[in-house]
Amino acid sequence: MNTTPAQETDERLTRLEIQLAYAEDLLDTLNTLVAQQQDQISLLLREVGQLRRQREDDAPGSFRSLRDELPPHY
């Protein structure tokens, strides 16, 4: 079956529109994921800041390395 140039153009345009729709959906999904990750990063940064302040309040001027502490099973 022979197709006319106009039909071929329509088919190509339809394929491109479908690909664009998938690309837009993927972009929306990735944007949502990036926003969620940014929220998690912000939360973790706040928690690290709180832990640092807590550590400074507990023992100002003293430095303890976690490598020097033995785990509970020793």
C-alpha atoms as a PDB file:
ATOM      1  CA  MET A   1       0.000   0.000   0.000  1.00  0.00           C
ATOM      2  CA  ASN A   2       1.417   3.330  -1.071  1.00  0.00           C
ATOM      3  CA  THR A   3       1.178   6.334   1.183  1.00  0.00           C
ATOM      4  CA  THR A   4       1.189   9.882   0.059  1.00  0.00           C
ATOM      5  CA  PRO A   5       3.726  12.384   1.292  1.00  0.00           C
ATOM      6  CA  ALA A   6       0.961  14.095   3.283  1.00  0.00           C
ATOM      7  CA  GLN A   7       0.100  10.817   5.036  1.00  0.00           C
ATOM      8  CA  GLU A   8       3.764  10.183   5.827  1.00  0.00           C
ATOM      9  CA  THR A   9       4.058  13.680   7.243  1.00  0.00           C
ATOM     10  CA  ASP A  10       0.947  13.134   9.373  1.00  0.00           C
ATOM     11  CA  GLU A  11       2.327   9.817  10.680  1.00  0.00           C
ATOM     12  CA  ARG A  12       5.678  11.413  11.525  1.00  0.00           C
ATOM     13  CA  LEU A  13       3.926  14.287  13.264  1.00  0.00           C
ATOM     14  CA  THR A  14       1.791  11.857  15.266  1.00  0.00           C
ATOM     15  CA  ARG A  15       4.901   9.890  16.348  1.00  0.00           C
ATOM     16  CA  LEU A  16       6.620  13.118  17.363  1.00  0.00           C
ATOM     17  CA  GLU A  17       3.594  14.232  19.377  1.00  0.00           C
ATOM     18  CA  ILE A  18       3.543  10.880  21.179  1.00  0.00           C
ATOM     19  CA  GLN A  19       7.259  11.134  21.941  1.00  0.00           C
ATOM     20  CA  LEU A  20       6.759  14.686  23.207  1.00  0.00           C
ATOM     21  CA  ALA A  21       3.943  13.560  25.500  1.00  0.00           C
ATOM     22  CA  TYR A  22       6.187  10.840  26.977  1.00  0.00           C
ATOM     23  CA  ALA A  23       9.058  13.312  27.368  1.00  0.00           C
ATOM     24  CA  GLU A  24       6.799  15.825  29.132  1.00  0.00           C
ATOM     25  CA  ASP A  25       5.526  13.110  31.483  1.00  0.00           C
ATOM     26  CA  LEU A  26       9.088  12.031  32.257  1.00  0.00           C
ATOM     27  CA  LEU A  27      10.100  15.634  32.898  1.00  0.00           C
ATOM     28  CA  ASP A  28       7.196  16.124  35.310  1.00  0.00           C
ATOM     29  CA  THR A  29       8.131  12.903  37.129  1.00  0.00           C
ATOM     30  CA  LEU A  30      11.773  13.941  37.394  1.00  0.00           C
ATOM     31  CA  ASN A  31      10.835  17.423  38.614  1.00  0.00           C
ATOM     32  CA  THR A  32       8.720  15.869  41.363  1.00  0.00           C
ATOM     33  CA  LEU A  33      11.564  13.556  42.334  1.00  0.00           C
ATOM     34  CA  VAL A  34      14.081  16.402  42.459  1.00  0.00           C
ATOM     35  CA  ALA A  35      11.727  18.459  44.637  1.00  0.00           C
ATOM     36  CA  GLN A  36      11.306  15.520  47.039  1.00  0.00           C
ATOM     37  CA  GLN A  37      15.062  14.999  47.187  1.00  0.00           C
ATOM     38  CA  GLN A  38      15.597  18.692  47.914  1.00  0.00           C
ATOM     39  CA  ASP A  39      13.127  18.470  50.790  1.00  0.00           C
ATOM     40  CA  GLN A  40      15.019  15.453  52.156  1.00  0.00           C
ATOM     41  CA  ILE A  41      18.353  17.234  51.819  1.00  0.00           C
ATOM     42  CA  SER A  42      16.999  20.285  53.641  1.00  0.00           C
ATOM     43  CA  LEU A  43      15.673  18.096  56.452  1.00  0.00           C
ATOM     44  CA  LEU A  44      18.991  16.267  56.763  1.00  0.00           C
ATOM     45  CA  LEU A  45      20.927  19.536  56.847  1.00  0.00           C
ATOM     46  CA  ARG A  46      18.695  20.818  59.656  1.00  0.00           C
ATOM     47  CA  GLU A  47      19.195  17.571  61.584  1.00  0.00           C
ATOM     48  CA  VAL A  48      22.974  17.722  61.157  1.00  0.00           C
ATOM     49  CA  GLY A  49      22.940  21.308  62.388  1.00  0.00           C
ATOM     50  CA  GLN A  50      20.898  20.313  65.424  1.00  0.00           C
ATOM     51  CA  LEU A  51      23.281  17.441  66.189  1.00  0.00           C
ATOM     52  CA  ARG A  52      26.269  19.764  65.931  1.00  0.00           C
ATOM     53  CA  ARG A  53      24.676  22.282  68.286  1.00  0.00           C
ATOM     54  CA  GLN A  54      23.709  19.509  70.691  1.00  0.00           C
ATOM     55  CA  ARG A  55      27.251  18.166  70.672  1.00  0.00           C
ATOM     56  CA  GLU A  56      28.679  21.634  71.309  1.00  0.00           C
ATOM     57  CA  ASP A  57      26.235  22.150  74.192  1.00  0.00           C
ATOM     58  CA  ASP A  58      27.038  18.748  75.746  1.00  0.00           C
ATOM     59  CA  ALA A  59      30.812  19.090  75.842  1.00  0.00           C
ATOM     60  CA  PRO A  60      32.141  22.465  74.721  1.00  0.00           C
ATOM     61  CA  GLY A  61      35.840  22.421  73.922  1.00  0.00           C
ATOM     62  CA  SER A  62      36.249  18.646  74.040  1.00  0.00           C
ATOM     63  CA  PHE A  63      36.751  16.628  70.906  1.00  0.00           C
ATOM     64  CA  ARG A  64      35.773  12.982  70.702  1.00  0.00           C
ATOM     65  CA  SER A  65      36.315  10.842  67.708  1.00  0.00           C
ATOM     66  CA  LEU A  66      33.784   8.131  67.001  1.00  0.00           C
ATOM     67  CA  ARG A  67      36.721   5.915  66.044  1.00  0.00           C
ATOM     68  CA  ASP A  68      37.889   6.020  69.674  1.00  0.00           C
ATOM     69  CA  GLU A  69      34.595   4.664  71.000  1.00  0.00           C
ATOM     70  CA  LEU A  70      34.064   0.916  71.114  1.00  0.00           C
ATOM     71  CA  PRO A  71      30.769  -0.525  69.971  1.00  0.00           C
ATOM     72  CA  PRO A  72      28.534  -1.953  72.743  1.00  0.00           C
ATOM     73  CA  HIS A  73      29.415  -5.586  71.966  1.00  0.00           C
ATOM     74  CA  TYR A  74      33.104  -5.167  72.990  1.00  0.00           C
END
